[in-house]
């Protein structure tokens, strides 16, 4: 398991369904501070969380 997957899993365990929004919040903060590489990491973490959650049910 790579570090992106590990961070995604830890965030999902800590925040549940709010994990994706939390990752998006971190990404936005990094972008505002000019930390583009870190923002890209958060974007990848958010994508990994989405994969962990699976498809949305209606």
C-alpha atoms as a PDB file:
ATOM      1  CA  UNK A   1       0.000   0.000   0.000  1.00  0.00           C
ATOM      2  CA  UNK A   2       1.473   3.369  -0.993  1.00  0.00           C
ATOM      3  CA  UNK A   3       1.452   6.496   1.167  1.00  0.00           C
ATOM      4  CA  UNK A   4      -1.515   8.036  -0.711  1.00  0.00           C
ATOM      5  CA  UNK A   5      -3.594   4.923  -0.008  1.00  0.00           C
ATOM      6  CA  UNK A   6      -2.446   4.871   3.617  1.00  0.00           C
ATOM      7  CA  UNK A   7      -3.392   8.524   4.123  1.00  0.00           C
ATOM      8  CA  UNK A   8      -6.743   7.977   2.413  1.00  0.00           C
ATOM      9  CA  UNK A   9      -7.544   4.988   4.612  1.00  0.00           C
ATOM     10  CA  UNK A  10      -6.516   6.804   7.800  1.00  0.00           C
ATOM     11  CA  UNK A  11      -8.592   9.856   6.871  1.00  0.00           C
ATOM     12  CA  UNK A  12     -11.575   7.666   6.001  1.00  0.00           C
ATOM     13  CA  UNK A  13     -11.314   5.806   9.304  1.00  0.00           C
ATOM     14  CA  UNK A  14     -11.076   9.093  11.206  1.00  0.00           C
ATOM     15  CA  UNK A  15     -13.776  11.053   9.358  1.00  0.00           C
ATOM     16  CA  UNK A  16     -16.017   8.485   7.682  1.00  0.00           C
ATOM     17  CA  UNK A  17     -18.217  10.002   5.008  1.00  0.00           C
ATOM     18  CA  UNK A  18     -16.711  13.455   5.670  1.00  0.00           C
ATOM     19  CA  UNK A  19     -13.219  12.285   4.674  1.00  0.00           C
ATOM     20  CA  UNK A  20     -13.567  13.319   1.040  1.00  0.00           C
ATOM     21  CA  UNK A  21     -14.649  16.835   2.038  1.00  0.00           C
ATOM     22  CA  UNK A  22     -11.771  17.014   4.521  1.00  0.00           C
ATOM     23  CA  UNK A  23      -9.266  16.099   1.803  1.00  0.00           C
ATOM     24  CA  UNK A  24     -10.790  18.754  -0.477  1.00  0.00           C
ATOM     25  CA  UNK A  25     -10.439  21.330   2.310  1.00  0.00           C
ATOM     26  CA  UNK A  26      -6.763  20.481   2.759  1.00  0.00           C
ATOM     27  CA  UNK A  27      -6.195  20.683  -1.006  1.00  0.00           C
ATOM     28  CA  UNK A  28      -7.764  24.123  -1.160  1.00  0.00           C
ATOM     29  CA  UNK A  29      -5.666  25.401   1.748  1.00  0.00           C
ATOM     30  CA  UNK A  30      -2.491  24.127   0.099  1.00  0.00           C
ATOM     31  CA  UNK A  31      -3.409  25.771  -3.202  1.00  0.00           C
ATOM     32  CA  UNK A  32      -4.078  29.073  -1.426  1.00  0.00           C
ATOM     33  CA  UNK A  33      -0.642  28.874   0.191  1.00  0.00           C
ATOM     34  CA  UNK A  34       1.076  28.075  -3.105  1.00  0.00           C
ATOM     35  CA  UNK A  35       1.939  24.505  -2.131  1.00  0.00           C
ATOM     36  CA  UNK A  36       1.037  22.951  -5.459  1.00  0.00           C
ATOM     37  CA  UNK A  37       2.797  19.610  -4.930  1.00  0.00           C
ATOM     38  CA  UNK A  38       1.077  19.114  -1.587  1.00  0.00           C
ATOM     39  CA  UNK A  39      -2.257  20.118  -3.146  1.00  0.00           C
ATOM     40  CA  UNK A  40      -1.758  17.419  -5.783  1.00  0.00           C
ATOM     41  CA  UNK A  41      -1.164  14.875  -3.019  1.00  0.00           C
ATOM     42  CA  UNK A  42      -4.452  15.881  -1.390  1.00  0.00           C
ATOM     43  CA  UNK A  43      -6.210  15.599  -4.745  1.00  0.00           C
ATOM     44  CA  UNK A  44      -4.880  12.032  -5.065  1.00  0.00           C
ATOM     45  CA  UNK A  45      -5.919  11.259  -1.475  1.00  0.00           C
ATOM     46  CA  UNK A  46      -9.439  12.489  -2.224  1.00  0.00           C
ATOM     47  CA  UNK A  47      -9.596  10.272  -5.297  1.00  0.00           C
ATOM     48  CA  UNK A  48      -8.423   7.281  -3.246  1.00  0.00           C
ATOM     49  CA  UNK A  49     -11.098   7.982  -0.622  1.00  0.00           C
ATOM     50  CA  UNK A  50     -13.723   8.029  -3.356  1.00  0.00           C
ATOM     51  CA  UNK A  51     -12.490   4.595  -4.448  1.00  0.00           C
ATOM     52  CA  UNK A  52     -12.636   3.310  -0.853  1.00  0.00           C
ATOM     53  CA  UNK A  53     -16.217   4.515  -0.470  1.00  0.00           C
ATOM     54  CA  UNK A  54     -17.336   2.800  -3.630  1.00  0.00           C
ATOM     55  CA  UNK A  55     -20.244   3.904  -5.840  1.00  0.00           C
ATOM     56  CA  UNK A  56     -22.939   6.129  -4.437  1.00  0.00           C
ATOM     57  CA  UNK A  57     -26.245   4.428  -3.775  1.00  0.00           C
ATOM     58  CA  UNK A  58     -29.536   6.090  -4.555  1.00  0.00           C
END
